[in-house]
Amino acid sequence: MRRMLLSAVCALAAAGAAAAEDKKGTSVELAGMKSTTPATWKEETPSSNMRMAQFKIPKVEGDKDDAELAVFVFPGGSGTVKQNLERQLAKFAEEGRKEKVDKLMVGALEAAYQDVTGTYKKKPFPMSDKFTPVEGYRQLYVVFEAKDGKQYYLTLLGPAKTVEAQKKGFEEFLKSFK
């Protein structure tokens, strides 16, 4: 009887260890630094060859869509920080749009941190003139240049409530790069 009980306890402990292992996020490397995503973020195959990583972030109750984190790197950059912030802002309709720009540390590197809410212009592809307006969206956007001269971009986009629920985890993920 004791052996059966001990075996059952060992089996539960092993299952618990496996479950704890499953709760770890995904390791991401940027500019020679690494951090781990929150466990609920599920890595996906990037939808474009321009993306170095992509994650599906589960929606909160009441939201229709999941959010998405897309990570980009461009060896030669894609313009100044100001140009990038303006390009991101243009993804949202002017009417009712709110923007806040701050600084944030990604590991030891200073980054621009943009927070935009409003009606998102969902396009079939980035350069399209046609779009479907999606109300109540929010985007957290981070851009920084590393010592190797490459520019890195992280875009967390989705329903405003879902993005708000993930904001703290996103910021901790960024600050944790070592």
Protein backbone atom coordinates (compact mmCIF):
# COMPACT_ATOMS: atom_id res chain seq x y z
CA MET A 1 0.00 0.00 0.00
CA ARG A 2 2.84 2.36 0.92
CA ARG A 3 4.57 1.58 -2.38
CA MET A 4 1.41 2.37 -4.34
CA LEU A 5 1.00 5.64 -2.44
CA LEU A 6 4.67 6.52 -2.97
CA SER A 7 4.38 5.66 -6.68
CA ALA A 8 1.29 7.84 -6.99
CA VAL A 9 3.03 10.75 -5.24
CA CYS A 10 6.07 10.39 -7.53
CA ALA A 11 3.84 10.28 -10.60
CA LEU A 12 2.01 13.44 -9.48
CA ALA A 13 5.31 15.19 -8.77
CA ALA A 14 6.59 14.28 -12.25
CA ALA A 15 3.35 15.50 -13.82
CA GLY A 16 3.62 18.73 -11.83
CA ALA A 17 7.20 19.24 -13.00
CA ALA A 18 6.10 18.69 -16.61
CA ALA A 19 3.24 21.16 -16.15
CA ALA A 20 5.65 23.70 -14.63
CA GLU A 21 7.93 23.20 -17.66
CA ASP A 22 4.95 23.91 -19.94
CA LYS A 23 4.36 27.21 -18.13
CA LYS A 24 7.66 28.66 -19.32
CA GLY A 25 7.53 31.09 -22.18
CA THR A 26 9.65 31.16 -25.32
CA SER A 27 13.22 32.45 -25.32
CA VAL A 28 13.72 35.36 -27.71
CA GLU A 29 17.10 36.80 -28.73
CA LEU A 30 17.50 40.39 -29.90
CA ALA A 31 20.75 42.27 -30.38
CA GLY A 32 22.69 39.54 -28.56
CA MET A 33 20.37 39.73 -25.52
CA LYS A 34 17.80 37.15 -24.41
CA SER A 35 14.47 37.31 -22.62
CA THR A 36 11.55 34.92 -22.14
CA THR A 37 7.97 35.68 -23.14
CA PRO A 38 5.06 35.18 -20.78
CA ALA A 39 3.93 31.53 -20.88
CA THR A 40 0.54 32.33 -22.44
CA TRP A 41 2.14 33.78 -25.57
CA LYS A 42 2.22 31.07 -28.22
CA GLU A 43 4.97 31.20 -30.83
CA GLU A 44 3.73 30.97 -34.41
CA THR A 45 5.37 30.66 -37.78
CA PRO A 46 5.90 34.26 -38.94
CA SER A 47 3.31 35.33 -41.52
CA SER A 48 5.98 37.22 -43.48
CA ASN A 49 9.66 36.67 -44.17
CA MET A 50 10.24 40.18 -42.81
CA ARG A 51 9.32 38.94 -39.32
CA MET A 52 11.94 37.26 -37.18
CA ALA A 53 9.33 36.06 -34.66
CA GLN A 54 5.58 36.13 -34.12
CA PHE A 55 3.38 35.27 -31.12
CA LYS A 56 -0.36 34.78 -30.68
CA ILE A 57 -1.57 36.35 -27.43
CA PRO A 58 -4.89 35.04 -26.12
CA LYS A 59 -7.85 37.41 -26.04
CA VAL A 60 -9.53 38.37 -22.79
CA GLU A 61 -13.18 37.67 -22.15
CA GLY A 62 -15.38 39.93 -24.26
CA ASP A 63 -12.83 40.52 -27.03
CA LYS A 64 -13.44 39.01 -30.45
CA ASP A 65 -9.81 38.62 -31.54
CA ASP A 66 -6.49 37.49 -30.08
CA ALA A 67 -3.61 39.96 -30.05
CA GLU A 68 -0.32 39.45 -31.87
CA LEU A 69 3.29 40.31 -31.18
CA ALA A 70 5.46 40.68 -34.27
CA VAL A 71 9.24 41.11 -34.00
CA PHE A 72 11.24 42.62 -36.85
CA VAL A 73 14.91 43.40 -37.47
CA PHE A 74 16.29 45.41 -40.36
CA PRO A 75 20.08 45.47 -40.79
CA GLY A 76 20.04 48.88 -42.46
CA GLY A 77 17.05 50.19 -40.52
CA SER A 78 13.88 51.56 -42.02
CA GLY A 79 14.20 55.25 -41.38
CA THR A 80 14.54 57.38 -38.29
CA VAL A 81 12.72 56.66 -35.04
CA LYS A 82 10.40 59.59 -35.80
CA GLN A 83 9.58 58.17 -39.26
CA ASN A 84 8.84 54.77 -37.75
CA LEU A 85 6.57 56.24 -35.08
CA GLU A 86 4.69 58.24 -37.74
CA ARG A 87 4.29 55.12 -39.90
CA GLN A 88 2.83 53.20 -36.94
CA LEU A 89 0.50 56.06 -36.03
CA ALA A 90 -0.83 56.08 -39.62
CA LYS A 91 -2.13 52.51 -39.08
CA PHE A 92 -4.95 54.11 -37.05
CA ALA A 93 -7.69 56.45 -38.26
CA GLU A 94 -7.09 60.04 -37.16
CA GLU A 95 -10.55 60.51 -35.66
CA GLY A 96 -10.56 59.44 -32.01
CA ARG A 97 -6.94 58.25 -32.13
CA LYS A 98 -4.81 58.65 -28.98
CA GLU A 99 -1.04 58.37 -28.86
CA LYS A 100 1.54 58.44 -26.11
CA VAL A 101 5.30 58.19 -26.75
CA ASP A 102 7.80 57.41 -24.02
CA LYS A 103 11.24 55.91 -23.51
CA LEU A 104 11.77 52.37 -22.25
CA MET A 105 14.82 50.19 -21.65
CA VAL A 106 15.16 46.97 -23.64
CA GLY A 107 17.85 45.39 -21.55
CA ALA A 108 20.61 48.03 -21.50
CA LEU A 109 19.38 49.79 -24.66
CA GLU A 110 17.07 52.79 -24.72
CA ALA A 111 14.04 52.43 -26.96
CA ALA A 112 11.14 54.57 -28.12
CA TYR A 113 7.84 53.21 -26.78
CA GLN A 114 4.62 54.21 -28.53
CA ASP A 115 1.10 53.41 -27.29
CA VAL A 116 -1.72 54.05 -29.80
CA THR A 117 -5.46 53.40 -29.37
CA GLY A 118 -8.34 53.95 -31.75
CA THR A 119 -9.71 52.53 -34.98
CA TYR A 120 -7.15 50.27 -36.62
CA LYS A 121 -6.93 50.22 -40.41
CA LYS A 122 -6.70 46.48 -41.08
CA LYS A 123 -5.12 45.96 -44.51
CA PRO A 124 -4.88 42.83 -46.66
CA PHE A 125 -1.16 43.63 -47.05
CA PRO A 126 0.99 46.50 -45.68
CA MET A 127 1.14 48.75 -48.76
CA SER A 128 -2.54 48.42 -49.66
CA ASP A 129 -4.67 51.55 -49.91
CA LYS A 130 -7.74 49.51 -48.98
CA PHE A 131 -8.50 48.68 -45.35
CA THR A 132 -11.23 47.53 -43.01
CA PRO A 133 -11.71 49.79 -39.97
CA VAL A 134 -11.55 47.85 -36.68
CA GLU A 135 -12.68 49.90 -33.69
CA GLY A 136 -11.30 49.58 -30.18
CA TYR A 137 -7.78 48.47 -31.08
CA ARG A 138 -4.48 49.27 -29.41
CA GLN A 139 -0.86 48.93 -30.40
CA LEU A 140 2.26 48.98 -28.24
CA TYR A 141 5.27 49.62 -30.47
CA VAL A 142 8.94 49.58 -29.53
CA VAL A 143 11.84 50.59 -31.76
CA PHE A 144 15.55 50.66 -30.89
CA GLU A 145 18.94 50.52 -32.53
CA ALA A 146 21.54 48.09 -31.24
CA LYS A 147 25.29 48.55 -31.09
CA ASP A 148 25.60 46.43 -34.26
CA GLY A 149 23.69 49.13 -36.18
CA LYS A 150 20.56 46.99 -36.69
CA GLN A 151 17.14 48.38 -35.86
CA TYR A 152 14.68 46.20 -33.93
CA TYR A 153 10.91 46.64 -33.83
CA LEU A 154 8.29 44.96 -31.66
CA THR A 155 4.60 45.48 -32.37
CA LEU A 156 1.94 44.21 -29.95
CA LEU A 157 -1.41 44.76 -31.68
CA GLY A 158 -4.95 43.70 -30.83
CA PRO A 159 -8.20 44.58 -29.08
CA ALA A 160 -7.62 47.32 -26.49
CA LYS A 161 -8.74 45.22 -23.50
CA THR A 162 -6.48 42.32 -24.46
CA VAL A 163 -3.48 44.59 -25.03
CA GLU A 164 -4.12 46.34 -21.70
CA ALA A 165 -4.18 42.95 -19.95
CA GLN A 166 -0.80 42.10 -21.54
CA LYS A 167 0.91 45.49 -21.15
CA LYS A 168 2.68 44.72 -17.87
CA GLY A 169 3.93 41.35 -19.16
CA PHE A 170 5.12 43.00 -22.38
CA GLU A 171 7.06 45.66 -20.50
CA GLU A 172 8.60 43.07 -18.15
CA PHE A 173 9.58 40.96 -21.17
CA LEU A 174 11.37 43.98 -22.69
CA LYS A 175 13.13 45.06 -19.52
CA SER A 176 14.30 41.48 -18.83
CA PHE A 177 16.59 41.28 -21.88
CA LYS A 178 20.10 40.45 -20.71
